[in-house]
Amino acid sequence: MVSREKGLEAVKNMPKEFSIDDLMDKLLLLNKIERGLDQSKNEETFTADEAKRMIQEWSK
């Protein structure tokens, strides 16, 4: 989850005029980065070999 401070900082760093779509893209990216960092911290990650094996299984 993105903190209010990071969300406000994202808005402050946007150009003077921007679309809601641009802001949503930025917020979604920040959220995905935060989730990835949390997963890494909690050791909820996969090795490259594990990921390749999962992709092969999914594409059957």
PDB file of N, CA and C in Angstrom:
ATOM      1  N   MET A   1       0.844  -1.175   0.000  1.00  0.00           N
ATOM      2  CA  MET A   1       0.000   0.000   0.000  1.00  0.00           C
ATOM      3  C   MET A   1       0.896   1.249   0.000  1.00  0.00           C
ATOM      4  N   VAL A   2       0.507   2.240  -0.742  1.00  0.00           N
ATOM      5  CA  VAL A   2       1.264   3.488  -0.834  1.00  0.00           C
ATOM      6  C   VAL A   2       0.842   4.403   0.309  1.00  0.00           C
ATOM      7  N   SER A   3       1.830   4.990   0.969  1.00  0.00           N
ATOM      8  CA  SER A   3       1.514   5.903   2.064  1.00  0.00           C
ATOM      9  C   SER A   3       0.983   7.228   1.510  1.00  0.00           C
ATOM     10  N   ARG A   4       0.273   7.945   2.340  1.00  0.00           N
ATOM     11  CA  ARG A   4      -0.266   9.247   1.936  1.00  0.00           C
ATOM     12  C   ARG A   4       0.868  10.174   1.516  1.00  0.00           C
ATOM     13  N   GLU A   5       1.967  10.122   2.268  1.00  0.00           N
ATOM     14  CA  GLU A   5       3.105  10.995   1.952  1.00  0.00           C
ATOM     15  C   GLU A   5       3.660  10.703   0.565  1.00  0.00           C
ATOM     16  N   LYS A   6       3.807   9.413   0.235  1.00  0.00           N
ATOM     17  CA  LYS A   6       4.334   9.057  -1.083  1.00  0.00           C
ATOM     18  C   LYS A   6       3.345   9.422  -2.186  1.00  0.00           C
ATOM     19  N   GLY A   7       2.060   9.276  -1.905  1.00  0.00           N
ATOM     20  CA  GLY A   7       1.044   9.671  -2.879  1.00  0.00           C
ATOM     21  C   GLY A   7       1.061  11.165  -3.134  1.00  0.00           C
ATOM     22  N   LEU A   8       1.150  11.937  -2.054  1.00  0.00           N
ATOM     23  CA  LEU A   8       1.218  13.393  -2.205  1.00  0.00           C
ATOM     24  C   LEU A   8       2.493  13.821  -2.927  1.00  0.00           C
ATOM     25  N   GLU A   9       3.585  13.148  -2.624  1.00  0.00           N
ATOM     26  CA  GLU A   9       4.853  13.463  -3.300  1.00  0.00           C
ATOM     27  C   GLU A   9       4.736  13.179  -4.801  1.00  0.00           C
ATOM     28  N   ALA A  10       4.050  12.092  -5.148  1.00  0.00           N
ATOM     29  CA  ALA A  10       3.850  11.761  -6.562  1.00  0.00           C
ATOM     30  C   ALA A  10       3.066  12.861  -7.260  1.00  0.00           C
ATOM     31  N   VAL A  11       2.028  13.384  -6.597  1.00  0.00           N
ATOM     32  CA  VAL A  11       1.229  14.464  -7.185  1.00  0.00           C
ATOM     33  C   VAL A  11       2.079  15.721  -7.320  1.00  0.00           C
ATOM     34  N   LYS A  12       2.870  16.029  -6.312  1.00  0.00           N
ATOM     35  CA  LYS A  12       3.721  17.225  -6.368  1.00  0.00           C
ATOM     36  C   LYS A  12       4.721  17.165  -7.505  1.00  0.00           C
ATOM     37  N   ASN A  13       5.176  15.947  -7.843  1.00  0.00           N
ATOM     38  CA  ASN A  13       6.179  15.790  -8.893  1.00  0.00           C
ATOM     39  C   ASN A  13       5.585  15.715 -10.297  1.00  0.00           C
ATOM     40  N   MET A  14       4.263  15.731 -10.394  1.00  0.00           N
ATOM     41  CA  MET A  14       3.618  15.716 -11.705  1.00  0.00           C
ATOM     42  C   MET A  14       3.727  17.117 -12.320  1.00  0.00           C
ATOM     43  N   PRO A  15       3.627  17.208 -13.649  1.00  0.00           N
ATOM     44  CA  PRO A  15       3.624  18.529 -14.284  1.00  0.00           C
ATOM     45  C   PRO A  15       2.396  19.340 -13.828  1.00  0.00           C
ATOM     46  N   LYS A  16       2.391  20.633 -14.139  1.00  0.00           N
ATOM     47  CA  LYS A  16       1.272  21.489 -13.712  1.00  0.00           C
ATOM     48  C   LYS A  16      -0.063  20.966 -14.215  1.00  0.00           C
ATOM     49  N   GLU A  17      -0.087  20.416 -15.402  1.00  0.00           N
ATOM     50  CA  GLU A  17      -1.306  19.833 -15.957  1.00  0.00           C
ATOM     51  C   GLU A  17      -1.022  18.382 -16.314  1.00  0.00           C
ATOM     52  N   PHE A  18      -1.914  17.512 -15.874  1.00  0.00           N
ATOM     53  CA  PHE A  18      -1.751  16.088 -16.161  1.00  0.00           C
ATOM     54  C   PHE A  18      -3.127  15.439 -16.181  1.00  0.00           C
ATOM     55  N   SER A  19      -3.181  14.291 -16.810  1.00  0.00           N
ATOM     56  CA  SER A  19      -4.456  13.575 -16.878  1.00  0.00           C
ATOM     57  C   SER A  19      -4.598  12.670 -15.657  1.00  0.00           C
ATOM     58  N   ILE A  20      -5.812  12.344 -15.334  1.00  0.00           N
ATOM     59  CA  ILE A  20      -6.069  11.400 -14.250  1.00  0.00           C
ATOM     60  C   ILE A  20      -5.434  10.055 -14.582  1.00  0.00           C
ATOM     61  N   ASP A  21      -5.441   9.687 -15.861  1.00  0.00           N
ATOM     62  CA  ASP A  21      -4.810   8.429 -16.274  1.00  0.00           C
ATOM     63  C   ASP A  21      -3.325   8.426 -15.942  1.00  0.00           C
ATOM     64  N   ASP A  22      -2.636   9.556 -16.194  1.00  0.00           N
ATOM     65  CA  ASP A  22      -1.211   9.648 -15.882  1.00  0.00           C
ATOM     66  C   ASP A  22      -0.969   9.500 -14.377  1.00  0.00           C
ATOM     67  N   LEU A  23      -1.815  10.145 -13.586  1.00  0.00           N
ATOM     68  CA  LEU A  23      -1.674  10.044 -12.137  1.00  0.00           C
ATOM     69  C   LEU A  23      -1.944   8.625 -11.665  1.00  0.00           C
ATOM     70  N   MET A  24      -2.977   8.002 -12.203  1.00  0.00           N
ATOM     71  CA  MET A  24      -3.292   6.627 -11.815  1.00  0.00           C
ATOM     72  C   MET A  24      -2.149   5.681 -12.185  1.00  0.00           C
ATOM     73  N   ASP A  25      -1.559   5.873 -13.375  1.00  0.00           N
ATOM     74  CA  ASP A  25      -0.419   5.050 -13.776  1.00  0.00           C
ATOM     75  C   ASP A  25       0.716   5.184 -12.773  1.00  0.00           C
ATOM     76  N   LYS A  26       0.998   6.412 -12.359  1.00  0.00           N
ATOM     77  CA  LYS A  26       2.086   6.655 -11.413  1.00  0.00           C
ATOM     78  C   LYS A  26       1.781   6.010 -10.059  1.00  0.00           C
ATOM     79  N   LEU A  27       0.551   6.164  -9.581  1.00  0.00           N
ATOM     80  CA  LEU A  27       0.173   5.588  -8.293  1.00  0.00           C
ATOM     81  C   LEU A  27       0.178   4.063  -8.336  1.00  0.00           C
ATOM     82  N   LEU A  28      -0.276   3.491  -9.444  1.00  0.00           N
ATOM     83  CA  LEU A  28      -0.237   2.038  -9.593  1.00  0.00           C
ATOM     84  C   LEU A  28       1.202   1.522  -9.595  1.00  0.00           C
ATOM     85  N   LEU A  29       2.082   2.231 -10.281  1.00  0.00           N
ATOM     86  CA  LEU A  29       3.486   1.850 -10.294  1.00  0.00           C
ATOM     87  C   LEU A  29       4.069   1.904  -8.880  1.00  0.00           C
ATOM     88  N   LEU A  30       3.806   2.984  -8.153  1.00  0.00           N
ATOM     89  CA  LEU A  30       4.294   3.093  -6.783  1.00  0.00           C
ATOM     90  C   LEU A  30       3.766   1.953  -5.915  1.00  0.00           C
ATOM     91  N   ASN A  31       2.503   1.609  -6.096  1.00  0.00           N
ATOM     92  CA  ASN A  31       1.908   0.527  -5.325  1.00  0.00           C
ATOM     93  C   ASN A  31       2.588  -0.812  -5.626  1.00  0.00           C
ATOM     94  N   LYS A  32       2.852  -1.058  -6.898  1.00  0.00           N
ATOM     95  CA  LYS A  32       3.508  -2.310  -7.279  1.00  0.00           C
ATOM     96  C   LYS A  32       4.930  -2.379  -6.730  1.00  0.00           C
ATOM     97  N   ILE A  33       5.628  -1.260  -6.732  1.00  0.00           N
ATOM     98  CA  ILE A  33       6.977  -1.223  -6.173  1.00  0.00           C
ATOM     99  C   ILE A  33       6.927  -1.508  -4.676  1.00  0.00           C
ATOM    100  N   GLU A  34       5.988  -0.874  -3.970  1.00  0.00           N
ATOM    101  CA  GLU A  34       5.843  -1.104  -2.524  1.00  0.00           C
ATOM    102  C   GLU A  34       5.528  -2.571  -2.240  1.00  0.00           C
ATOM    103  N   ARG A  35       4.607  -3.158  -3.025  1.00  0.00           N
ATOM    104  CA  ARG A  35       4.272  -4.568  -2.828  1.00  0.00           C
ATOM    105  C   ARG A  35       5.486  -5.458  -3.056  1.00  0.00           C
ATOM    106  N   GLY A  36       6.247  -5.169  -4.089  1.00  0.00           N
ATOM    107  CA  GLY A  36       7.448  -5.949  -4.377  1.00  0.00           C
ATOM    108  C   GLY A  36       8.477  -5.843  -3.270  1.00  0.00           C
ATOM    109  N   LEU A  37       8.665  -4.639  -2.737  1.00  0.00           N
ATOM    110  CA  LEU A  37       9.612  -4.460  -1.642  1.00  0.00           C
ATOM    111  C   LEU A  37       9.148  -5.217  -0.396  1.00  0.00           C
ATOM    112  N   ASP A  38       7.857  -5.166  -0.110  1.00  0.00           N
ATOM    113  CA  ASP A  38       7.311  -5.913   1.036  1.00  0.00           C
ATOM    114  C   ASP A  38       7.495  -7.414   0.844  1.00  0.00           C
ATOM    115  N   GLN A  39       7.225  -7.904  -0.359  1.00  0.00           N
ATOM    116  CA  GLN A  39       7.395  -9.325  -0.634  1.00  0.00           C
ATOM    117  C   GLN A  39       8.848  -9.739  -0.487  1.00  0.00           C
ATOM    118  N   SER A  40       9.748  -8.898  -0.938  1.00  0.00           N
ATOM    119  CA  SER A  40      11.168  -9.198  -0.811  1.00  0.00           C
ATOM    120  C   SER A  40      11.586  -9.230   0.659  1.00  0.00           C
ATOM    121  N   LYS A  41      11.106  -8.254   1.417  1.00  0.00           N
ATOM    122  CA  LYS A  41      11.435  -8.183   2.841  1.00  0.00           C
ATOM    123  C   LYS A  41      10.915  -9.415   3.581  1.00  0.00           C
ATOM    124  N   ASN A  42       9.751  -9.920   3.175  1.00  0.00           N
ATOM    125  CA  ASN A  42       9.129 -11.078   3.822  1.00  0.00           C
ATOM    126  C   ASN A  42       9.559 -12.399   3.186  1.00  0.00           C
ATOM    127  N   GLU A  43      10.576 -12.327   2.332  1.00  0.00           N
ATOM    128  CA  GLU A  43      11.115 -13.499   1.632  1.00  0.00           C
ATOM    129  C   GLU A  43      10.043 -14.256   0.855  1.00  0.00           C
ATOM    130  N   GLU A  44       9.156 -13.511   0.231  1.00  0.00           N
ATOM    131  CA  GLU A  44       8.103 -14.085  -0.605  1.00  0.00           C
ATOM    132  C   GLU A  44       8.473 -13.936  -2.072  1.00  0.00           C
ATOM    133  N   THR A  45       9.673 -14.346  -2.423  1.00  0.00           N
ATOM    134  CA  THR A  45      10.173 -14.192  -3.786  1.00  0.00           C
ATOM    135  C   THR A  45      10.497 -15.562  -4.379  1.00  0.00           C
ATOM    136  N   PHE A  46      10.757 -15.588  -5.670  1.00  0.00           N
ATOM    137  CA  PHE A  46      11.108 -16.800  -6.385  1.00  0.00           C
ATOM    138  C   PHE A  46      12.447 -16.593  -7.081  1.00  0.00           C
ATOM    139  N   THR A  47      13.206 -17.668  -7.209  1.00  0.00           N
ATOM    140  CA  THR A  47      14.437 -17.589  -7.992  1.00  0.00           C
ATOM    141  C   THR A  47      14.053 -17.541  -9.466  1.00  0.00           C
ATOM    142  N   ALA A  48      15.015 -17.203 -10.304  1.00  0.00           N
ATOM    143  CA  ALA A  48      14.766 -17.166 -11.748  1.00  0.00           C
ATOM    144  C   ALA A  48      14.382 -18.559 -12.246  1.00  0.00           C
ATOM    145  N   ASP A  49      15.049 -19.588 -11.737  1.00  0.00           N
ATOM    146  CA  ASP A  49      14.724 -20.953 -12.157  1.00  0.00           C
ATOM    147  C   ASP A  49      13.305 -21.344 -11.748  1.00  0.00           C
ATOM    148  N   GLU A  50      12.897 -20.981 -10.530  1.00  0.00           N
ATOM    149  CA  GLU A  50      11.533 -21.273 -10.089  1.00  0.00           C
ATOM    150  C   GLU A  50      10.517 -20.562 -10.980  1.00  0.00           C
ATOM    151  N   ALA A  51      10.792 -19.300 -11.311  1.00  0.00           N
ATOM    152  CA  ALA A  51       9.879 -18.536 -12.160  1.00  0.00           C
ATOM    153  C   ALA A  51       9.780 -19.161 -13.549  1.00  0.00           C
ATOM    154  N   LYS A  52      10.905 -19.580 -14.101  1.00  0.00           N
ATOM    155  CA  LYS A  52      10.897 -20.221 -15.426  1.00  0.00           C
ATOM    156  C   LYS A  52      10.069 -21.503 -15.386  1.00  0.00           C
ATOM    157  N   ARG A  53      10.232 -22.295 -14.325  1.00  0.00           N
ATOM    158  CA  ARG A  53       9.479 -23.531 -14.197  1.00  0.00           C
ATOM    159  C   ARG A  53       7.968 -23.247 -14.092  1.00  0.00           C
ATOM    160  N   MET A  54       7.606 -22.238 -13.329  1.00  0.00           N
ATOM    161  CA  MET A  54       6.193 -21.883 -13.198  1.00  0.00           C
ATOM    162  C   MET A  54       5.607 -21.423 -14.522  1.00  0.00           C
ATOM    163  N   ILE A  55       6.362 -20.633 -15.277  1.00  0.00           N
ATOM    164  CA  ILE A  55       5.895 -20.159 -16.586  1.00  0.00           C
ATOM    165  C   ILE A  55       5.690 -21.327 -17.539  1.00  0.00           C
ATOM    166  N   GLN A  56       6.617 -22.274 -17.516  1.00  0.00           N
ATOM    167  CA  GLN A  56       6.464 -23.463 -18.369  1.00  0.00           C
ATOM    168  C   GLN A  56       5.211 -24.251 -18.008  1.00  0.00           C
ATOM    169  N   GLU A  57       4.932 -24.382 -16.697  1.00  0.00           N
ATOM    170  CA  GLU A  57       3.739 -25.086 -16.266  1.00  0.00           C
ATOM    171  C   GLU A  57       2.473 -24.348 -16.681  1.00  0.00           C
ATOM    172  N   TRP A  58       2.469 -23.033 -16.568  1.00  0.00           N
ATOM    173  CA  TRP A  58       1.298 -22.231 -16.900  1.00  0.00           C
ATOM    174  C   TRP A  58       0.996 -22.243 -18.395  1.00  0.00           C
ATOM    175  N   SER A  59       2.026 -22.343 -19.208  1.00  0.00           N
ATOM    176  CA  SER A  59       1.827 -22.233 -20.649  1.00  0.00           C
ATOM    177  C   SER A  59       1.489 -23.565 -21.310  1.00  0.00           C
ATOM    178  N   LYS A  60       1.214 -24.587 -20.513  1.00  0.00           N
ATOM    179  CA  LYS A  60       0.840 -25.895 -21.083  1.00  0.00           C
ATOM    180  C   LYS A  60      -0.591 -25.873 -21.537  1.00  0.00           C
TER     181      LYS A  60
END
